[in-house]
Protein backbone atom coordinates (compact mmCIF):
# COMPACT_ATOMS: atom_id res chain seq x y z
CA MET A 1 217.32 35.96 186.24
CA THR A 2 218.99 32.63 186.89
CA SER A 3 220.18 30.73 183.83
CA VAL A 4 220.68 26.98 183.78
CA GLN A 5 220.45 24.25 181.16
CA ASN A 6 216.81 23.27 180.56
CA LEU A 7 217.25 19.56 181.32
CA ARG A 8 214.53 17.34 182.73
CA LEU A 9 215.69 14.65 185.11
CA LEU A 10 214.62 11.18 184.05
CA LEU A 11 213.24 9.21 186.96
CA SER A 12 212.67 5.51 187.37
CA GLY A 13 211.55 3.96 190.66
CA ASN A 14 214.01 4.98 193.36
CA LYS A 15 216.78 5.93 190.95
CA PHE A 16 217.25 9.34 189.45
CA GLY A 17 218.25 9.93 185.87
CA PHE A 18 219.70 7.36 183.54
CA PHE A 19 221.63 10.12 181.89
CA ILE A 20 221.81 13.87 182.30
CA ILE A 21 223.70 15.68 179.57
CA PHE A 22 225.53 18.55 181.17
CA LEU A 23 226.54 21.35 178.86
CA VAL A 24 229.44 23.56 179.77
CA CYS A 25 229.15 27.11 178.44
CA TYR A 26 232.30 28.43 176.81
CA SER A 27 232.71 32.13 176.16
CA CYS A 28 234.78 33.59 173.35
CA GLY A 29 236.36 37.00 173.56
CA THR A 30 236.43 39.60 170.76
CA PRO A 31 239.60 39.28 168.64
CA VAL A 32 242.09 42.08 169.22
CA LYS A 33 244.62 43.09 166.56
CA VAL A 34 248.17 43.10 167.89
CA VAL A 35 250.54 45.71 166.40
CA GLU A 36 254.26 45.39 166.91
CA THR A 37 256.17 48.52 167.90
CA PRO A 38 258.79 49.22 165.20
CA LYS A 39 262.38 49.07 166.27
CA VAL A 40 264.28 52.37 166.17
CA GLU A 41 267.94 52.10 165.23
CA LYS A 42 270.36 54.25 167.14
CA PRO A 43 272.11 56.85 164.99
CA VAL A 44 275.71 56.14 164.25
CA ASN A 45 276.59 59.71 163.34
CA LYS A 46 275.57 62.99 164.96
CA PRO A 47 271.83 63.22 165.63
CA GLU A 48 269.70 64.90 162.99
CA VAL A 49 266.36 66.69 163.16
CA TYR A 50 263.77 67.65 160.58
CA ASN A 51 263.70 71.37 159.61
CA PRO A 52 260.17 72.30 158.44
CA LYS A 53 261.48 75.49 156.77
CA THR A 54 263.84 73.72 154.41
CA GLY A 55 261.96 70.38 154.36
CA GLN A 56 265.24 68.53 154.95
CA MET A 57 267.04 66.66 157.74
CA GLU A 58 269.80 68.73 159.40
CA THR A 59 272.41 68.17 162.06
CA ALA A 60 270.85 68.98 165.43
CA ASN A 61 272.04 72.22 167.05
CA SER A 62 270.77 74.80 169.53
CA SER A 63 268.96 76.80 166.85
CA ASN A 64 266.81 73.99 165.53
CA THR A 65 266.27 71.95 168.70
CA HIS A 66 264.31 72.59 171.93
CA VAL A 67 263.13 70.51 174.93
CA ASP A 68 259.46 70.35 175.99
CA THR A 69 258.80 70.35 179.71
CA ILE A 70 255.63 68.47 180.78
CA HIS A 71 253.92 69.15 184.13
CA PHE A 72 251.68 66.37 185.64
CA ILE A 73 248.75 67.45 187.74
CA GLU A 74 246.04 65.48 189.60
CA SER A 75 242.87 65.32 187.50
CA GLY A 76 240.60 64.23 190.35
CA LEU A 77 239.08 61.58 188.05
CA GLU A 78 238.90 57.82 188.60
CA PRO A 79 241.74 55.94 186.87
CA PHE A 80 240.77 53.87 183.83
CA ILE A 81 242.77 50.88 185.07
CA LYS A 82 242.25 50.03 188.71
CA ASP A 83 244.05 47.62 190.97
CA LYS A 84 242.59 44.10 191.07
CA PRO A 85 240.16 43.89 194.00
CA ASN A 86 241.38 41.85 196.95
CA ILE A 87 238.70 39.39 198.05
CA ASN A 88 240.61 38.70 201.26
CA ALA A 89 239.94 42.23 202.44
CA GLY A 90 236.29 41.32 202.94
CA GLU A 91 235.08 44.32 200.95
CA LYS A 92 231.66 44.25 199.28
CA ILE A 93 232.58 43.61 195.64
CA THR A 94 229.50 43.14 193.48
CA LYS A 95 229.05 42.37 189.80
CA GLY A 96 226.22 42.58 187.32
CA ALA A 97 226.13 38.81 186.81
CA TYR A 98 227.68 35.76 188.44
CA ASP A 99 228.80 32.35 187.22
CA ILE A 100 228.49 29.28 189.45
CA ALA A 101 230.16 25.93 188.72
CA LEU A 102 228.43 22.90 190.23
CA LEU A 103 230.76 19.88 190.49
CA LEU A 104 228.44 16.88 190.84
CA PRO A 105 229.61 13.31 191.56
CA LEU A 106 227.60 11.44 188.95
CA SER A 107 229.71 8.36 188.18
CA GLU A 108 227.75 5.86 190.24
CA ASP A 109 230.05 2.91 189.58
CA ASP A 110 233.07 4.89 190.69
CA LEU A 111 231.23 6.14 193.77
CA GLY A 112 230.32 2.64 194.89
CA LYS A 113 233.76 1.21 194.19
CA ASP A 114 236.02 3.94 195.55
CA MET A 115 233.97 5.54 198.29
CA GLY A 116 231.58 2.95 199.67
CA SER A 117 228.80 5.39 198.77
CA ASP A 118 225.16 4.51 198.34
CA GLY A 119 225.35 5.72 194.77
CA SER A 120 224.61 8.99 193.08
CA GLU A 121 220.86 9.16 193.79
CA LYS A 122 221.14 11.64 196.65
CA TYR A 123 223.29 13.95 194.51
CA PHE A 124 220.67 13.89 191.77
CA GLN A 125 218.16 14.70 194.51
CA TYR A 126 220.32 17.65 195.56
CA TYR A 127 220.56 18.90 191.99
CA ALA A 128 216.81 18.41 191.45
CA GLY A 129 216.16 20.58 194.51
CA MET A 130 218.62 23.19 193.20
CA ARG A 131 216.78 23.37 189.87
CA LEU A 132 213.51 24.07 191.65
CA GLY A 133 215.24 26.68 193.79
CA MET A 134 216.60 28.43 190.71
CA LYS A 135 213.20 28.27 189.05
CA ALA A 136 211.68 30.00 192.09
CA LEU A 137 214.10 32.90 191.48
CA ALA A 138 213.45 33.06 187.73
CA ASP A 139 211.41 36.28 187.98
CA SER A 140 213.96 38.05 190.17
CA ASN A 141 216.70 40.39 189.00
CA TYR A 142 219.50 38.02 190.07
CA GLN A 143 221.75 37.47 187.04
CA THR A 144 223.30 34.04 187.57
CA LYS A 145 224.46 31.20 185.33
CA ILE A 146 224.89 27.66 186.66
CA HIS A 147 227.38 25.40 184.87
CA VAL A 148 227.05 21.72 185.81
CA LEU A 149 230.03 19.38 185.45
CA ASP A 150 230.46 15.68 186.19
CA VAL A 151 233.33 14.90 188.57
CA LYS A 152 234.84 11.46 188.11
CA ALA A 153 236.16 9.39 191.00
CA ASN A 154 239.79 9.46 189.85
CA PRO A 155 241.85 11.80 192.10
CA GLU A 156 243.55 13.32 189.03
CA ASP A 157 240.30 14.21 187.24
CA ILE A 158 239.82 17.39 189.23
CA TYR A 159 242.78 19.11 187.57
CA SER A 160 241.27 18.92 184.08
CA LEU A 161 238.09 20.56 185.39
CA PHE A 162 240.04 23.57 186.66
CA LYS A 163 241.08 24.30 183.05
CA LYS A 164 237.52 24.38 181.73
CA PRO A 165 236.14 27.90 181.21
CA ALA A 166 233.05 27.04 183.27
CA VAL A 167 235.28 26.53 186.33
CA ALA A 168 238.14 28.91 185.51
CA ASN A 169 235.69 31.81 185.05
CA ALA A 170 233.34 30.89 187.91
CA ASP A 171 232.79 33.25 190.82
CA LEU A 172 231.60 30.40 193.04
CA ILE A 173 232.21 26.64 192.96
CA ILE A 174 229.76 24.22 194.63
CA GLY A 175 231.26 20.79 195.38
CA PRO A 176 233.01 18.44 194.83
CA LEU A 177 232.51 15.34 197.03
CA ARG A 178 235.79 13.45 197.49
CA ARG A 179 238.13 14.62 200.21
CA ASP A 180 241.14 14.84 197.86
CA HIS A 181 239.09 16.75 195.28
CA ILE A 182 237.90 19.15 197.99
CA ASN A 183 241.47 19.73 199.11
CA GLU A 184 242.67 20.61 195.61
CA THR A 185 239.63 22.79 194.93
CA ALA A 186 240.27 24.71 198.16
CA LYS A 187 243.79 25.41 196.91
CA PHE A 188 242.46 26.46 193.50
CA VAL A 189 239.94 28.99 194.85
CA LEU A 190 242.53 30.52 197.19
CA GLN A 191 244.99 31.04 194.35
CA ASN A 192 242.32 32.46 192.03
CA ASN A 193 240.28 34.62 194.42
CA LYS A 194 237.14 32.51 194.18
CA VAL A 195 234.84 30.94 196.76
CA MET A 196 233.92 27.27 197.11
CA VAL A 197 231.05 25.72 199.03
CA ALA A 198 231.27 22.13 200.28
CA PRO A 199 227.60 21.04 200.39
CA TRP A 200 227.95 17.35 201.32
CA ASN A 201 230.98 17.04 203.59
CA ALA A 202 232.32 19.08 206.49
CA TYR A 203 236.08 18.54 206.52
CA ARG A 204 237.98 20.91 208.78
CA THR A 205 241.25 19.01 208.54
CA ILE A 206 242.17 19.25 204.84
CA GLU A 207 245.66 20.47 204.03
CA ASN A 208 244.63 23.51 201.97
CA ILE A 209 241.97 24.84 204.32
CA ASN A 210 241.42 28.62 203.99
CA ASP A 211 238.82 31.37 204.33
CA HIS A 212 237.58 30.88 200.74
CA TYR A 213 236.37 27.40 201.78
CA VAL A 214 232.79 27.30 203.09
CA LEU A 215 231.33 24.29 204.90
CA MET A 216 227.60 24.37 204.27
CA ARG A 217 227.14 21.48 206.69
CA ALA A 218 228.30 21.86 210.27
CA SER A 219 231.38 19.90 211.27
CA LEU A 220 231.42 17.26 214.00
CA PRO A 221 232.91 19.66 216.62
CA THR A 222 230.04 22.07 215.96
CA HIS A 223 227.46 19.30 216.40
CA CYS A 224 229.09 18.30 219.69
CA GLU A 225 229.09 21.92 220.84
CA ALA A 226 225.36 22.30 220.13
CA LEU A 227 224.48 18.99 221.80
CA THR A 228 226.54 19.86 224.86
CA HIS A 229 224.78 23.21 225.15
CA TYR A 230 221.43 21.42 225.10
CA ALA A 231 222.53 18.76 227.60
CA LEU A 232 223.61 21.43 230.08
CA SER A 233 220.26 23.18 229.66
CA ILE A 234 218.44 20.13 231.08
CA ALA A 235 220.98 18.59 233.46
CA ARG A 236 223.92 19.33 235.72
CA PRO A 237 227.37 18.12 234.63
CA GLN A 238 227.37 15.49 237.40
CA ASP A 239 224.14 14.04 235.97
CA ILE A 240 225.66 13.40 232.54
CA CYS A 241 227.42 10.23 231.37
CA ILE A 242 229.27 9.85 228.05
CA VAL A 243 228.99 6.37 226.50
CA GLY A 244 230.98 5.04 223.56
CA ARG A 245 233.72 2.87 222.16
CA GLU A 246 237.44 3.60 222.29
CA LYS A 247 237.48 4.47 218.59
CA SER A 248 235.11 7.38 219.34
CA LYS A 249 237.42 8.88 221.93
CA THR A 250 237.76 12.06 219.86
CA ILE A 251 234.03 12.72 220.11
CA THR A 252 234.13 11.96 223.83
CA ASN A 253 236.84 14.59 224.21
CA TYR A 254 234.73 17.12 222.29
CA PHE A 255 231.89 16.62 224.77
CA VAL A 256 234.15 16.75 227.83
CA ASN A 257 235.98 19.88 226.66
CA ASN A 258 232.72 21.65 225.85
CA ILE A 259 231.27 20.84 229.27
CA GLN A 260 234.41 22.06 231.00
CA LYS A 261 234.47 25.23 228.89
CA SER A 262 230.79 25.95 229.59
CA THR A 263 231.25 25.53 233.33
CA GLY A 264 234.58 27.36 233.43
CA ASN A 265 236.20 24.41 235.20
CA ASP A 266 238.99 22.76 233.18
CA ASP A 267 239.47 20.12 235.88
CA LEU A 268 235.82 19.04 236.06
CA LYS A 269 235.50 15.24 235.91
CA ILE A 270 232.75 13.90 233.66
CA SER A 271 231.39 10.38 234.02
CA GLN A 272 232.44 8.19 231.09
CA SER A 273 231.61 4.61 230.06
CA ILE A 274 234.19 3.73 227.43
CA ILE A 275 234.45 0.15 226.23
CA LYS A 276 236.81 -1.67 223.88
CA ASP A 277 236.16 -1.59 220.15
CA ASP A 278 235.99 -5.40 219.87
CA TYR A 279 233.61 -5.98 222.78
CA LYS A 280 230.73 -8.43 222.65
CA PHE A 281 227.46 -7.81 224.41
CA GLY A 282 226.86 -10.22 227.27
CA GLU A 283 224.56 -10.53 230.22
CA SER A 284 226.33 -8.00 232.37
CA TYR A 285 226.64 -4.30 231.54
CA LYS A 286 228.47 -3.05 234.56
CA TYR A 287 230.25 -0.40 232.46
CA LEU A 288 227.00 1.59 232.30
CA ASP A 289 226.48 4.08 235.10
CA SER A 290 222.84 3.62 236.15
CA THR A 291 222.56 6.84 238.18
CA LYS A 292 222.60 9.49 235.46
CA SER A 293 219.72 11.32 233.80
CA VAL A 294 221.46 12.15 230.50
CA TYR A 295 223.52 9.72 228.40
CA MET A 296 225.52 11.11 225.48
CA ILE A 297 226.36 8.33 223.00
CA THR A 298 229.27 8.88 220.62
CA GLU A 299 228.55 5.97 218.24
CA PHE A 300 227.47 6.89 214.71
CA GLU A 301 229.12 4.44 212.29
CA ASP A 302 227.37 1.15 213.10
CA PRO A 303 223.58 1.13 213.68
CA ASN A 304 223.82 -2.34 215.26
CA ILE A 305 226.14 -1.01 217.97
CA VAL A 306 223.79 1.92 218.58
CA PHE A 307 220.83 -0.44 218.86
CA ASN A 308 222.57 -2.57 221.50
CA PHE A 309 223.63 0.50 223.49
CA LEU A 310 220.06 1.79 223.49
CA ARG A 311 218.54 -1.59 224.31
CA ASN A 312 220.70 -2.04 227.36
CA ILE A 313 220.39 1.55 228.56
CA ASN A 314 216.63 1.08 228.35
CA ALA A 315 216.84 -2.09 230.46
CA MET A 316 219.24 -0.50 232.95
CA ARG A 317 217.13 2.61 233.60
CA LYS A 318 214.23 0.56 235.11
CA ASN A 319 211.55 3.01 234.00
CA ARG A 320 213.50 6.04 235.20
CA ASP A 321 212.95 9.14 233.07
CA ILE A 322 216.20 9.73 231.15
CA THR A 323 217.35 11.44 227.94
CA VAL A 324 219.73 9.91 225.41
CA ILE A 325 221.66 12.35 223.21
CA GLY A 326 222.86 10.84 219.96
CA MET A 327 224.55 11.62 216.67
CA PRO A 328 223.11 13.34 213.54
CA SER A 329 223.20 10.12 211.49
CA TRP A 330 220.56 8.58 213.76
CA GLN A 331 217.93 10.60 211.92
CA ASP A 332 218.20 8.14 209.01
CA TYR A 333 217.87 4.96 211.08
CA PRO A 334 215.07 2.49 210.21
CA LYS A 335 211.78 1.87 212.00
CA ASP A 336 213.35 -0.80 214.22
CA PHE A 337 214.75 2.00 216.37
CA MET A 338 211.51 3.90 216.91
CA SER A 339 210.35 2.22 220.11
CA LEU A 340 213.73 2.74 221.77
CA PHE A 341 214.02 6.29 220.47
CA ASN A 342 210.60 7.06 221.90
CA ALA A 343 211.23 5.45 225.30
CA LEU A 344 214.61 7.14 225.75
CA LYS A 345 213.63 10.61 224.49
CA VAL A 346 216.41 10.46 221.94
CA THR A 347 217.69 13.93 221.04
CA ILE A 348 220.03 14.67 218.13
CA SER A 349 221.35 17.61 216.10
CA SER A 350 220.79 18.01 212.37
CA ASN A 351 221.87 20.29 209.53
CA SER A 352 218.41 20.21 207.99
CA PHE A 353 214.92 19.10 208.90
CA ALA A 354 211.68 19.20 206.93
CA ASP A 355 208.67 19.56 209.22
CA GLY A 356 205.93 17.50 207.58
CA ALA A 357 203.23 19.77 209.04
CA ASP A 358 204.74 22.98 207.65
CA GLU A 359 202.80 24.47 204.73
CA ASN A 360 205.96 25.35 202.80
CA VAL A 361 207.27 21.80 203.14
CA ILE A 362 203.95 20.36 201.96
CA ALA A 363 203.91 22.70 198.96
CA PHE A 364 207.51 21.86 198.03
CA ARG A 365 206.84 18.13 198.29
CA LYS A 366 203.96 18.48 195.83
CA LEU A 367 206.04 20.67 193.52
CA PHE A 368 208.88 18.15 193.51
CA PHE A 369 206.60 15.24 192.68
CA GLN A 370 204.94 17.17 189.86
CA ALA A 371 208.32 18.04 188.39
CA TYR A 372 210.07 14.66 188.73
CA GLN A 373 207.37 12.04 189.46
CA ASN A 374 209.31 10.78 192.45
CA PHE A 375 209.46 11.24 196.19
CA LEU A 376 212.13 13.48 197.61
CA SER A 377 214.87 13.03 200.19
CA LYS A 378 216.39 15.56 202.59
CA GLU A 379 219.06 16.34 199.98
CA ALA A 380 216.39 17.86 197.72
CA TYR A 381 215.35 20.27 200.49
CA GLU A 382 218.99 21.20 201.11
CA GLY A 383 219.68 21.82 197.42
CA TYR A 384 216.60 24.05 197.17
CA ASP A 385 217.52 26.13 200.22
CA VAL A 386 221.26 26.37 199.64
CA ILE A 387 221.14 27.56 196.01
CA GLN A 388 218.65 30.29 196.88
CA TYR A 389 220.83 31.45 199.76
CA LEU A 390 223.97 31.49 197.61
CA ILE A 391 222.43 33.35 194.69
CA LYS A 392 220.99 36.01 197.00
CA ALA A 393 224.27 36.25 198.94
CA LEU A 394 226.26 36.87 195.75
CA ALA A 395 223.80 39.48 194.49
CA GLN A 396 223.51 41.33 197.80
CA ARG A 397 226.99 40.96 199.31
CA GLY A 398 229.26 40.15 196.39
CA THR A 399 232.06 37.69 195.82
CA SER A 400 233.32 37.91 199.40
CA PHE A 401 229.93 37.20 200.97
CA GLN A 402 231.40 34.48 203.19
CA LEU A 403 233.46 37.07 205.09
CA ASP A 404 230.51 39.27 205.99
CA SER A 405 230.19 38.72 209.74
CA GLU A 406 227.16 41.00 209.93
CA ALA A 407 225.03 38.98 207.51
CA GLU A 408 221.62 38.04 208.83
CA PRO A 409 220.86 34.35 209.44
CA TYR A 410 218.90 32.66 206.66
CA GLU A 411 216.15 30.09 207.09
CA GLY A 412 214.77 28.15 204.15
CA ILE A 413 212.05 25.56 204.17
CA ALA A 414 214.27 22.94 205.81
CA THR A 415 217.72 24.50 206.29
CA LYS A 416 219.12 27.24 208.48
CA ILE A 417 222.27 29.07 207.44
CA LYS A 418 224.52 31.24 209.57
CA LEU A 419 228.09 31.42 208.32
CA GLU A 420 230.77 31.92 210.96
CA LYS A 421 234.55 32.05 210.89
CA ILE A 422 236.33 29.05 212.38
CA LEU A 423 239.47 30.33 214.08
CA ASP A 424 242.83 28.63 214.38
CA LEU A 425 243.25 28.69 218.15
CA THR A 426 246.86 27.49 217.89
CA LYS A 427 247.96 30.95 216.76
CA GLY A 428 248.77 33.50 219.42
CA SER A 429 247.43 36.52 217.55
CA ASP A 430 243.79 37.49 217.88
CA ASP A 431 243.63 38.77 214.29
CA ARG A 432 240.48 37.10 213.00
CA MET A 433 241.43 37.62 209.35
CA LYS A 434 244.78 35.89 209.75
CA ASN A 435 243.51 33.22 212.14
CA THR A 436 240.51 32.12 210.08
CA LEU A 437 240.72 28.42 209.19
CA CYS A 438 237.55 28.32 207.11
CA ILE A 439 233.93 29.46 207.06
CA GLU A 440 231.24 27.16 208.43
CA ASN A 441 227.47 27.08 208.63
CA LYS A 442 226.97 26.62 212.37
CA ALA A 443 223.17 26.84 212.35
CA LEU A 444 221.72 23.54 213.57
CA TYR A 445 218.39 22.05 214.57
CA ILE A 446 218.00 20.18 217.84
CA LEU A 447 215.50 17.35 217.27
CA ARG A 448 213.61 15.29 219.86
CA PHE A 449 212.02 11.94 219.05
CA ASP A 450 208.50 11.95 220.45
CA GLN A 451 205.24 10.33 219.39
CA PHE A 452 207.29 8.12 217.07
CA LYS A 453 208.77 10.92 215.00
CA PHE A 454 211.44 13.60 215.22
CA SER A 455 210.29 17.15 215.89
CA ILE A 456 212.14 20.43 216.21
CA LEU A 457 213.01 21.14 219.82
CA GLN A 458 215.24 24.15 219.14
């Protein structure tokens, strides 16, 4: 059974919850009486022994003293005190019950001020989905407690959370959000043989990265790898052009390296149209190669830049049939993009996707509205899928579930999960345990925009 505070989210319009009171469960141990061992003074005179015949103490001698010899033999029984299990060994270590600490970023003012975030609504959506996911497992035999804690925006606030019993005694930590908080939490779980799951960010470059750190969302290199694989399935390398600004040169290099690796030719030249970051669109777009059939665009930060790229690629193609491969963030772009997306067969990768025609998605949408009287976002689907996966993984594979390379892929109603080790290729050794940077969910959807909506292509 999954245990969590019975709190109903308060909804108003498009905003979740005015307040949610999160209770942290503290456990108290049974008092143990401590007895001091009495000090034994060393005899100043000759040693004495007790003589049971006379009932008096006598000076020790050969007639009243003997030495016992003790022989130790193997009993064949399990020792009462065993060595502490080593989670790094990847052994299946299971428990009767598990504690999970959920570190939610709920301070909306701090989020907006310090992170440029769109507020805490999507994190409430994530938690709302998690609650429904836990409720769906209520009749199971999974013994799990979820402790929910608010994480402030101050970089120093994370340290006080580590001292709380809900976190100190947790088997698994979900969250937090900020990069600096993630870095310190990764260090904390490594030192304390715990596991953490980053559900909202996919940082591979934090200082304290380790194999206790699980990215539930695929990183940018993984997205580029999946998109490259798709591009090469529909076109030859010489028919592909990479388009972007100078500031996106890293993504361009990901695409180029993946194409070269896939073809086995490290010297293969890939057509690129790279323009300056401060460019202004004019009448002439000579930087665009008009002979290609696939254009891979690296822009994801500014929708206005994406729109201008697409508009001019559409004009340049002159009704030729082409495919534009874009970034995951394009899935959230407004309706203004739909005509261009449709004309250019825009294809992207995504960590999650809810198919509106799927019966399970329809049922969950109804369930969510009945529970919270509000419409759901993709974060709600992710929260629902991820918590069910994690609870089942702990129960079936134990506290080192992230190291189980033979685990079967998981598919929820809108999220696929396949955890894989990310190796540090800078090390010469091929020891996967020592070379593991982190664990990452590399399962992605490939989506194609057609008939004015995204659909699953792969």
